[in-house]
N, C-alpha and C. Protein backbone atom coordinates (compact mmCIF):
# COMPACT_ATOMS: atom_id res chain seq x y z
N MET A 1 -25.46 -0.85 7.53
CA MET A 1 -25.26 0.46 6.88
C MET A 1 -24.03 1.01 7.59
N LYS A 2 -23.77 0.87 8.86
CA LYS A 2 -22.64 1.35 9.54
C LYS A 2 -21.35 0.87 8.94
N LYS A 3 -21.30 -0.39 8.56
CA LYS A 3 -20.05 -0.94 7.98
C LYS A 3 -19.67 -0.24 6.63
N ALA A 4 -20.76 -0.05 5.78
CA ALA A 4 -20.61 0.64 4.54
C ALA A 4 -19.98 1.97 4.75
N SER A 5 -20.54 2.73 5.67
CA SER A 5 -20.10 4.09 5.90
C SER A 5 -18.64 4.10 6.44
N GLY A 6 -18.33 3.06 7.29
CA GLY A 6 -16.96 2.98 7.69
C GLY A 6 -15.91 2.66 6.59
N HIS A 7 -16.37 1.85 5.65
CA HIS A 7 -15.50 1.62 4.48
C HIS A 7 -15.25 2.88 3.70
N TRP A 8 -16.41 3.67 3.52
CA TRP A 8 -16.30 4.93 2.78
C TRP A 8 -15.29 5.84 3.45
N ILE A 9 -15.48 5.96 4.74
CA ILE A 9 -14.53 6.95 5.48
C ILE A 9 -13.10 6.45 5.41
N ILE A 10 -12.88 5.20 5.53
CA ILE A 10 -11.51 4.65 5.46
C ILE A 10 -10.92 4.87 4.16
N GLN A 11 -11.74 4.58 3.10
CA GLN A 11 -11.24 4.77 1.80
C GLN A 11 -10.85 6.24 1.50
N ARG A 12 -11.62 7.15 2.04
CA ARG A 12 -11.32 8.57 1.75
C ARG A 12 -10.01 8.96 2.62
N VAL A 13 -9.95 8.46 3.83
CA VAL A 13 -8.74 8.73 4.64
C VAL A 13 -7.46 8.24 3.95
N THR A 14 -7.51 7.01 3.49
CA THR A 14 -6.32 6.42 2.80
C THR A 14 -5.97 7.17 1.54
N ALA A 15 -7.06 7.65 0.86
CA ALA A 15 -6.84 8.43 -0.35
C ALA A 15 -6.13 9.76 -0.08
N ILE A 16 -6.56 10.38 0.96
CA ILE A 16 -5.94 11.66 1.41
C ILE A 16 -4.51 11.38 1.88
N ALA A 17 -4.31 10.30 2.55
CA ALA A 17 -2.93 9.89 3.12
C ALA A 17 -1.98 9.67 1.96
N LEU A 18 -2.52 9.07 0.86
CA LEU A 18 -1.63 8.64 -0.20
C LEU A 18 -1.05 9.80 -0.98
N VAL A 19 -1.75 10.95 -0.89
CA VAL A 19 -1.24 12.18 -1.66
C VAL A 19 0.17 12.60 -1.24
N PRO A 20 0.38 12.82 0.00
CA PRO A 20 1.68 13.24 0.38
C PRO A 20 2.70 12.08 0.39
N LEU A 21 2.19 10.94 0.62
CA LEU A 21 3.10 9.75 0.56
C LEU A 21 3.59 9.49 -0.83
N VAL A 22 2.74 9.55 -1.84
CA VAL A 22 3.20 9.42 -3.23
C VAL A 22 4.16 10.56 -3.60
N LEU A 23 3.88 11.80 -3.15
CA LEU A 23 4.82 12.86 -3.38
C LEU A 23 6.17 12.69 -2.83
N LEU A 24 6.21 12.06 -1.62
CA LEU A 24 7.53 11.71 -0.96
C LEU A 24 8.16 10.68 -1.83
N LEU A 25 7.46 9.69 -2.32
CA LEU A 25 8.08 8.64 -3.18
C LEU A 25 8.59 9.35 -4.40
N LEU A 26 7.86 10.17 -5.08
CA LEU A 26 8.30 10.82 -6.32
C LEU A 26 9.50 11.64 -6.05
N TYR A 27 9.52 12.40 -4.97
CA TYR A 27 10.70 13.22 -4.67
C TYR A 27 11.93 12.35 -4.39
N GLY A 28 11.68 11.22 -3.62
CA GLY A 28 12.89 10.32 -3.48
C GLY A 28 13.35 9.71 -4.73
N VAL A 29 12.53 9.34 -5.59
CA VAL A 29 12.92 8.67 -6.81
C VAL A 29 13.75 9.73 -7.73
N LEU A 30 13.12 10.84 -7.82
CA LEU A 30 13.81 11.89 -8.57
C LEU A 30 15.12 12.31 -7.99
N ALA A 31 15.26 12.38 -6.67
CA ALA A 31 16.47 12.74 -5.98
C ALA A 31 17.61 11.70 -6.14
N MET A 32 17.16 10.32 -6.19
CA MET A 32 18.09 9.34 -6.38
C MET A 32 18.46 8.98 -7.74
N ALA A 33 17.75 9.50 -8.70
CA ALA A 33 17.98 9.08 -10.05
C ALA A 33 19.40 9.35 -10.45
N GLY A 34 19.94 8.22 -11.00
CA GLY A 34 21.37 8.31 -11.51
C GLY A 34 22.45 8.13 -10.43
N GLN A 35 21.96 7.97 -9.22
CA GLN A 35 22.89 7.80 -8.09
C GLN A 35 23.45 6.36 -8.04
N PRO A 36 24.62 6.17 -7.52
CA PRO A 36 25.07 4.73 -7.32
C PRO A 36 24.34 3.99 -6.35
N TYR A 37 24.44 2.64 -6.38
CA TYR A 37 23.74 1.79 -5.50
C TYR A 37 23.84 2.10 -4.03
N ASP A 38 25.07 2.35 -3.55
CA ASP A 38 25.22 2.64 -2.19
C ASP A 38 24.48 3.96 -1.71
N VAL A 39 24.46 4.91 -2.55
CA VAL A 39 23.65 6.10 -2.20
C VAL A 39 22.17 5.84 -2.09
N VAL A 40 21.66 5.12 -3.00
CA VAL A 40 20.31 4.78 -3.08
C VAL A 40 19.88 3.84 -1.89
N HIS A 41 20.75 2.95 -1.58
CA HIS A 41 20.54 2.07 -0.52
C HIS A 41 20.47 2.83 0.87
N ALA A 42 21.47 3.65 1.03
CA ALA A 42 21.54 4.54 2.24
C ALA A 42 20.29 5.42 2.38
N GLN A 43 19.88 5.99 1.27
CA GLN A 43 18.66 6.84 1.21
C GLN A 43 17.48 6.07 1.68
N LEU A 44 17.32 4.87 1.13
CA LEU A 44 16.09 3.97 1.44
C LEU A 44 16.22 3.54 2.85
N ALA A 45 17.36 3.37 3.43
CA ALA A 45 17.58 2.87 4.76
C ALA A 45 17.42 3.88 5.79
N SER A 46 17.30 5.20 5.38
CA SER A 46 17.19 6.25 6.34
C SER A 46 15.77 6.15 7.02
N PRO A 47 15.73 6.46 8.30
CA PRO A 47 14.45 6.21 8.97
C PRO A 47 13.22 7.06 8.42
N PHE A 48 13.52 8.26 7.92
CA PHE A 48 12.42 9.12 7.46
C PHE A 48 11.84 8.45 6.12
N MET A 49 12.73 7.99 5.21
CA MET A 49 12.33 7.38 4.00
C MET A 49 11.70 6.04 4.23
N ALA A 50 12.24 5.27 5.16
CA ALA A 50 11.72 3.92 5.41
C ALA A 50 10.29 4.03 6.06
N ILE A 51 10.15 4.95 7.01
CA ILE A 51 8.72 5.09 7.58
C ILE A 51 7.80 5.60 6.51
N GLY A 52 8.23 6.56 5.71
CA GLY A 52 7.34 7.04 4.69
C GLY A 52 6.87 5.98 3.73
N LEU A 53 7.94 5.21 3.24
CA LEU A 53 7.61 4.09 2.34
C LEU A 53 6.67 3.03 2.98
N ALA A 54 6.93 2.73 4.33
CA ALA A 54 6.07 1.77 4.96
C ALA A 54 4.65 2.35 5.12
N LEU A 55 4.51 3.61 5.41
CA LEU A 55 3.15 4.06 5.38
C LEU A 55 2.52 4.08 4.06
N LEU A 56 3.27 4.30 3.07
CA LEU A 56 2.74 4.28 1.61
C LEU A 56 2.31 2.88 1.25
N ILE A 57 3.16 1.91 1.66
CA ILE A 57 2.69 0.49 1.33
C ILE A 57 1.43 0.15 2.16
N ILE A 58 1.38 0.46 3.34
CA ILE A 58 0.12 0.09 4.13
C ILE A 58 -1.07 0.85 3.57
N ALA A 59 -0.98 2.10 3.43
CA ALA A 59 -2.20 2.82 2.95
C ALA A 59 -2.51 2.49 1.49
N GLY A 60 -1.54 2.22 0.66
CA GLY A 60 -1.78 1.86 -0.73
C GLY A 60 -2.54 0.56 -0.80
N PHE A 61 -2.02 -0.48 -0.15
CA PHE A 61 -2.55 -1.82 -0.18
C PHE A 61 -4.03 -1.85 0.45
N TRP A 62 -4.11 -1.07 1.54
CA TRP A 62 -5.44 -0.97 2.20
C TRP A 62 -6.52 -0.32 1.29
N HIS A 63 -6.04 0.78 0.67
CA HIS A 63 -6.95 1.51 -0.20
C HIS A 63 -7.30 0.63 -1.44
N ALA A 64 -6.39 -0.05 -2.00
CA ALA A 64 -6.60 -0.84 -3.16
C ALA A 64 -7.63 -2.03 -2.77
N ARG A 65 -7.34 -2.65 -1.61
CA ARG A 65 -8.22 -3.79 -1.11
C ARG A 65 -9.61 -3.29 -0.89
N LEU A 66 -9.83 -2.10 -0.28
CA LEU A 66 -11.21 -1.61 -0.09
C LEU A 66 -11.88 -1.20 -1.42
N GLY A 67 -11.07 -0.68 -2.37
CA GLY A 67 -11.64 -0.41 -3.69
C GLY A 67 -12.07 -1.55 -4.44
N MET A 68 -11.30 -2.58 -4.39
CA MET A 68 -11.59 -3.92 -5.11
C MET A 68 -12.77 -4.61 -4.45
N GLN A 69 -12.86 -4.51 -3.04
CA GLN A 69 -14.03 -5.06 -2.37
C GLN A 69 -15.31 -4.39 -2.80
N GLU A 70 -15.24 -3.07 -2.91
CA GLU A 70 -16.37 -2.38 -3.38
C GLU A 70 -16.88 -2.75 -4.82
N VAL A 71 -16.00 -2.92 -5.69
CA VAL A 71 -16.20 -3.30 -7.03
C VAL A 71 -16.82 -4.77 -7.03
N ILE A 72 -16.20 -5.62 -6.30
CA ILE A 72 -16.75 -6.99 -6.28
C ILE A 72 -18.12 -7.08 -5.70
N VAL A 73 -18.34 -6.42 -4.55
CA VAL A 73 -19.64 -6.41 -3.95
C VAL A 73 -20.74 -5.78 -4.95
N ASP A 74 -20.36 -4.73 -5.60
CA ASP A 74 -21.30 -4.13 -6.45
C ASP A 74 -21.66 -4.83 -7.75
N TYR A 75 -20.71 -5.61 -8.27
CA TYR A 75 -20.81 -6.17 -9.62
C TYR A 75 -20.83 -7.70 -9.70
N ILE A 76 -20.46 -8.36 -8.76
CA ILE A 76 -20.49 -9.89 -8.75
C ILE A 76 -21.67 -10.31 -7.89
N HIS A 77 -22.66 -10.85 -8.56
CA HIS A 77 -23.93 -11.18 -7.94
C HIS A 77 -24.07 -12.56 -7.45
N LYS A 78 -23.20 -13.53 -7.94
CA LYS A 78 -23.25 -14.92 -7.42
C LYS A 78 -22.52 -14.92 -6.06
N GLU A 79 -23.11 -15.42 -5.03
CA GLU A 79 -22.60 -15.40 -3.61
C GLU A 79 -21.34 -16.09 -3.53
N ARG A 80 -21.16 -17.28 -4.16
CA ARG A 80 -19.93 -18.11 -4.13
C ARG A 80 -18.80 -17.32 -4.77
N SER A 81 -19.15 -16.85 -5.95
CA SER A 81 -18.03 -16.12 -6.70
C SER A 81 -17.63 -14.86 -5.91
N ARG A 82 -18.51 -14.19 -5.33
CA ARG A 82 -18.15 -13.04 -4.65
C ARG A 82 -17.40 -13.33 -3.39
N ALA A 83 -17.75 -14.38 -2.63
CA ALA A 83 -16.97 -14.76 -1.45
C ALA A 83 -15.53 -15.16 -1.97
N LEU A 84 -15.38 -16.00 -2.94
CA LEU A 84 -14.10 -16.39 -3.44
C LEU A 84 -13.23 -15.16 -3.87
N LEU A 85 -13.83 -14.22 -4.64
CA LEU A 85 -13.06 -13.12 -5.05
C LEU A 85 -12.69 -12.18 -3.89
N LEU A 86 -13.52 -12.10 -2.87
CA LEU A 86 -13.22 -11.34 -1.78
C LEU A 86 -12.04 -11.95 -0.96
N LEU A 87 -12.06 -13.33 -0.87
CA LEU A 87 -10.98 -13.99 -0.18
C LEU A 87 -9.68 -13.80 -0.94
N LEU A 88 -9.70 -13.88 -2.24
CA LEU A 88 -8.50 -13.79 -3.05
C LEU A 88 -8.08 -12.34 -2.94
N THR A 89 -8.91 -11.38 -2.98
CA THR A 89 -8.48 -9.99 -2.91
C THR A 89 -7.76 -9.74 -1.57
N ASN A 90 -8.32 -10.15 -0.45
CA ASN A 90 -7.72 -9.99 0.81
C ASN A 90 -6.36 -10.72 0.93
N ALA A 91 -6.32 -11.83 0.38
CA ALA A 91 -5.07 -12.66 0.39
C ALA A 91 -3.94 -11.94 -0.34
N LEU A 92 -4.36 -11.42 -1.57
CA LEU A 92 -3.36 -10.86 -2.43
C LEU A 92 -2.91 -9.54 -1.75
N ALA A 93 -3.82 -8.70 -1.19
CA ALA A 93 -3.53 -7.47 -0.61
C ALA A 93 -2.57 -7.63 0.56
N PHE A 94 -2.98 -8.58 1.40
CA PHE A 94 -2.14 -8.73 2.68
C PHE A 94 -0.78 -9.42 2.34
N GLY A 95 -0.89 -10.43 1.43
CA GLY A 95 0.39 -11.08 1.10
C GLY A 95 1.43 -10.12 0.41
N ALA A 96 0.93 -9.40 -0.58
CA ALA A 96 1.82 -8.46 -1.24
C ALA A 96 2.28 -7.32 -0.28
N GLY A 97 1.34 -6.81 0.61
CA GLY A 97 1.80 -5.82 1.53
C GLY A 97 2.76 -6.38 2.58
N ILE A 98 2.70 -7.52 3.06
CA ILE A 98 3.62 -8.14 3.93
C ILE A 98 4.95 -8.32 3.18
N ALA A 99 4.95 -8.83 1.96
CA ALA A 99 6.08 -8.93 1.27
C ALA A 99 6.90 -7.66 0.93
N ALA A 100 6.11 -6.61 0.72
CA ALA A 100 6.78 -5.28 0.44
C ALA A 100 7.32 -4.70 1.74
N LEU A 101 6.60 -4.90 2.86
CA LEU A 101 7.12 -4.38 4.18
C LEU A 101 8.31 -5.28 4.64
N PHE A 102 8.40 -6.51 4.42
CA PHE A 102 9.45 -7.36 4.69
C PHE A 102 10.65 -6.91 3.76
N SER A 103 10.52 -6.66 2.61
CA SER A 103 11.59 -6.15 1.68
C SER A 103 12.18 -4.81 2.19
N LEU A 104 11.30 -3.89 2.63
CA LEU A 104 11.68 -2.65 3.17
C LEU A 104 12.47 -2.81 4.42
N PHE A 105 11.92 -3.72 5.26
CA PHE A 105 12.68 -3.95 6.56
C PHE A 105 13.98 -4.58 6.33
N ARG A 106 14.15 -5.43 5.34
CA ARG A 106 15.53 -5.93 4.96
C ARG A 106 16.43 -4.83 4.52
N ILE A 107 15.99 -3.93 3.66
CA ILE A 107 16.84 -2.86 3.23
C ILE A 107 17.15 -1.93 4.49
N PHE A 108 16.15 -1.73 5.36
CA PHE A 108 16.42 -0.85 6.57
C PHE A 108 17.49 -1.31 7.49
N THR A 109 17.37 -2.72 7.72
CA THR A 109 18.23 -3.43 8.67
C THR A 109 19.56 -3.73 8.11
N ALA A 110 19.68 -3.88 6.80
CA ALA A 110 20.99 -4.30 6.13
C ALA A 110 21.96 -3.25 6.08
N GLY A 111 21.64 -2.01 6.32
CA GLY A 111 22.71 -1.00 6.12
C GLY A 111 23.09 -0.25 7.26
């Protein structure tokens, strides 16, 4: 029971954290709309934007992973299928998250 309540709390915390992070992303996208490549690259490479985007990536993939785990556990009843889907969900979330963070790191260090 304790693990389930921990999942619930973490899912709510990441949901709350995503609100200002998504607003930051929207503000950044709108502010950079129509700007040349150099301006957009410099903005994305700024520490404030890079840290905000890194937090968005981490919170977003963590929240999505927890949500998918909840759906799989609730609706997939065959143990082997459930285990395989949970493994794939974790691999996809971690793999895509690492790829996104690596891409952001490359933008941050290239400029």
